[in-house]
Amino acid sequence: MKKGYIGVGVLIVVIVIGLIYFSQRETGLVVDEGLVVTNEYMDVTSFEAKELIMSNPDLIIIDVSPNYDMGHLPGAINYYVGDGSLDEAIPTLDSMGTYLVYCHFDSASRAGAQKLVDAGFESVYRLTDHFSGWVDAGYSVEY
């Protein structure tokens, strides 16, 4: 009987370790010598983005939409992901900087943030509720 319980216990431990390992891989986390490194961008809400902006004066805000002239976050620069502007700008940007990427649509902001990450940028945030969420929260915009 005891051998059966030990076997089941070992199996459970292996399953738990496997689940932890694969859940970390799916979220982009890699554990290396006790350090957790992410190779993905971090999603933030408008509230979290506002706090990030207020606490990081060197934050670079990138609007990756074609709608920049219809309103944008204060201080944002426009590198439209759809026409290659972001691709052209990436080599000129400081990969050690901190970036907040947003758009008016989900797919463009995801693509823009991922392009920065793929280029080796380590501190990239993406506004999950987009420009409309920013406006709905009552935060200021520029035109």
Protein backbone atom coordinates (compact mmCIF):
# COMPACT_ATOMS: atom_id res chain seq x y z
CA MET A 1 0.00 0.00 0.00
CA LYS A 2 2.73 2.50 0.89
CA LYS A 3 4.37 2.13 -2.54
CA GLY A 4 1.11 3.14 -4.18
CA TYR A 5 0.84 6.30 -2.08
CA ILE A 6 4.46 7.23 -2.76
CA GLY A 7 3.95 6.77 -6.50
CA VAL A 8 0.84 8.93 -6.47
CA GLY A 9 2.64 11.58 -4.40
CA VAL A 10 5.58 11.67 -6.82
CA LEU A 11 3.19 11.91 -9.75
CA ILE A 12 1.37 14.84 -8.15
CA VAL A 13 4.66 16.67 -7.51
CA VAL A 14 5.75 16.12 -11.14
CA ILE A 15 2.41 17.41 -12.42
CA VAL A 16 2.53 20.52 -10.20
CA ILE A 17 6.12 21.30 -11.27
CA GLY A 18 5.14 20.81 -14.91
CA LEU A 19 2.14 23.11 -14.57
CA ILE A 20 4.24 25.81 -12.96
CA TYR A 21 6.92 25.50 -15.65
CA PHE A 22 4.51 25.63 -18.57
CA SER A 23 2.40 28.43 -17.09
CA GLN A 24 5.58 30.50 -16.75
CA ARG A 25 6.56 29.78 -20.35
CA GLU A 26 3.12 30.81 -21.63
CA THR A 27 3.29 34.14 -19.81
CA GLY A 28 6.78 34.81 -21.11
CA LEU A 29 8.50 34.21 -17.80
CA VAL A 30 11.80 32.41 -17.81
CA VAL A 31 13.37 31.36 -14.54
CA ASP A 32 17.17 31.40 -14.75
CA GLU A 33 19.31 30.98 -11.64
CA GLY A 34 16.62 32.39 -9.39
CA LEU A 35 15.90 35.41 -11.60
CA VAL A 36 12.59 35.88 -13.36
CA VAL A 37 12.97 37.54 -16.74
CA THR A 38 10.09 38.48 -18.99
CA ASN A 39 10.29 38.75 -22.74
CA GLU A 40 6.88 40.31 -23.12
CA TYR A 41 5.23 43.65 -22.57
CA MET A 42 3.13 44.45 -19.51
CA ASP A 43 -0.56 45.30 -19.90
CA VAL A 44 -1.76 48.28 -17.85
CA THR A 45 -5.10 50.01 -17.39
CA SER A 46 -5.56 53.74 -17.88
CA PHE A 47 -5.29 54.24 -14.12
CA GLU A 48 -2.01 52.29 -14.00
CA ALA A 49 -0.73 54.12 -17.08
CA LYS A 50 -1.49 57.47 -15.44
CA GLU A 51 0.51 56.41 -12.37
CA LEU A 52 3.34 55.21 -14.63
CA ILE A 53 3.41 58.56 -16.42
CA MET A 54 3.40 60.51 -13.14
CA SER A 55 6.16 58.39 -11.59
CA ASN A 56 8.44 58.16 -14.63
CA PRO A 57 9.35 61.49 -16.23
CA ASP A 58 11.47 59.72 -18.87
CA LEU A 59 8.60 57.51 -20.05
CA ILE A 60 8.17 57.56 -23.82
CA ILE A 61 4.54 57.32 -24.92
CA ILE A 62 3.95 55.96 -28.41
CA ASP A 63 0.62 56.19 -30.21
CA VAL A 64 0.71 53.48 -32.89
CA SER A 65 -2.62 54.46 -34.46
CA PRO A 66 -3.49 56.39 -37.62
CA ASN A 67 -5.80 58.56 -35.46
CA TYR A 68 -3.13 60.60 -33.66
CA ASP A 69 -4.51 63.91 -34.98
CA MET A 70 -7.96 63.06 -33.56
CA GLY A 71 -6.51 63.19 -30.04
CA HIS A 72 -3.67 61.54 -28.15
CA LEU A 73 -2.18 61.17 -24.69
CA PRO A 74 -0.20 64.24 -23.59
CA GLY A 75 3.39 64.05 -24.81
CA ALA A 76 2.76 61.05 -27.06
CA ILE A 77 4.64 60.63 -30.30
CA ASN A 78 3.08 58.94 -33.31
CA TYR A 79 4.67 55.95 -35.00
CA TYR A 80 1.82 54.31 -36.85
CA VAL A 81 2.35 50.57 -36.84
CA GLY A 82 0.32 50.03 -40.03
CA ASP A 83 2.47 52.07 -42.39
CA GLY A 84 5.89 50.97 -41.13
CA SER A 85 6.62 54.17 -39.19
CA LEU A 86 7.22 52.21 -35.99
CA ASP A 87 9.56 49.80 -37.76
CA GLU A 88 11.56 52.74 -39.11
CA ALA A 89 11.71 54.42 -35.69
CA ILE A 90 12.76 51.39 -33.63
CA PRO A 91 16.49 51.60 -34.52
CA THR A 92 16.51 55.25 -33.39
CA LEU A 93 14.88 54.55 -30.01
CA ASP A 94 16.73 53.75 -26.79
CA SER A 95 16.05 50.09 -26.03
CA MET A 96 16.90 50.74 -22.37
CA GLY A 97 14.09 53.30 -22.03
CA THR A 98 10.61 52.74 -20.69
CA TYR A 99 7.75 52.81 -23.18
CA LEU A 100 3.97 53.00 -23.04
CA VAL A 101 2.32 51.90 -26.29
CA TYR A 102 -1.33 52.51 -27.06
CA CYS A 103 -3.75 52.78 -29.91
CA HIS A 104 -7.43 53.21 -30.59
CA PHE A 105 -7.65 49.47 -31.38
CA ASP A 106 -6.44 46.33 -29.65
CA SER A 107 -4.63 44.65 -32.54
CA ALA A 108 -2.44 47.66 -33.35
CA SER A 109 -1.37 48.24 -29.74
CA ARG A 110 -0.52 44.56 -29.34
CA ALA A 111 1.49 44.57 -32.57
CA GLY A 112 3.30 47.77 -31.64
CA ALA A 113 4.24 46.63 -28.15
CA GLN A 114 5.36 43.25 -29.47
CA LYS A 115 7.57 44.88 -32.12
CA LEU A 116 9.42 46.75 -29.38
CA VAL A 117 9.83 43.59 -27.32
CA ASP A 118 11.00 41.62 -30.35
CA ALA A 119 13.61 44.34 -30.98
CA GLY A 120 15.04 43.80 -27.49
CA PHE A 121 13.26 46.54 -25.55
CA GLU A 122 12.89 45.39 -21.95
CA SER A 123 10.49 47.87 -20.38
CA VAL A 124 7.36 48.04 -22.52
CA TYR A 125 3.83 48.67 -21.31
CA ARG A 126 0.60 48.50 -23.32
CA LEU A 127 -2.55 50.44 -22.51
CA THR A 128 -5.24 47.75 -22.42
CA ASP A 129 -8.29 49.99 -22.48
CA HIS A 130 -6.89 52.08 -25.33
CA PHE A 131 -7.35 55.76 -26.02
CA SER A 132 -11.10 55.51 -25.38
CA GLY A 133 -10.47 54.12 -21.88
CA TRP A 134 -8.10 57.00 -21.20
CA VAL A 135 -10.76 59.51 -22.30
CA ASP A 136 -13.51 57.70 -20.37
CA ALA A 137 -11.36 57.92 -17.21
CA GLY A 138 -11.41 61.71 -17.62
CA TYR A 139 -7.68 62.13 -18.24
CA SER A 140 -6.44 64.98 -20.40
CA VAL A 141 -5.69 64.65 -24.10
CA GLU A 142 -3.87 66.73 -26.67
CA TYR A 143 -4.85 67.53 -30.26
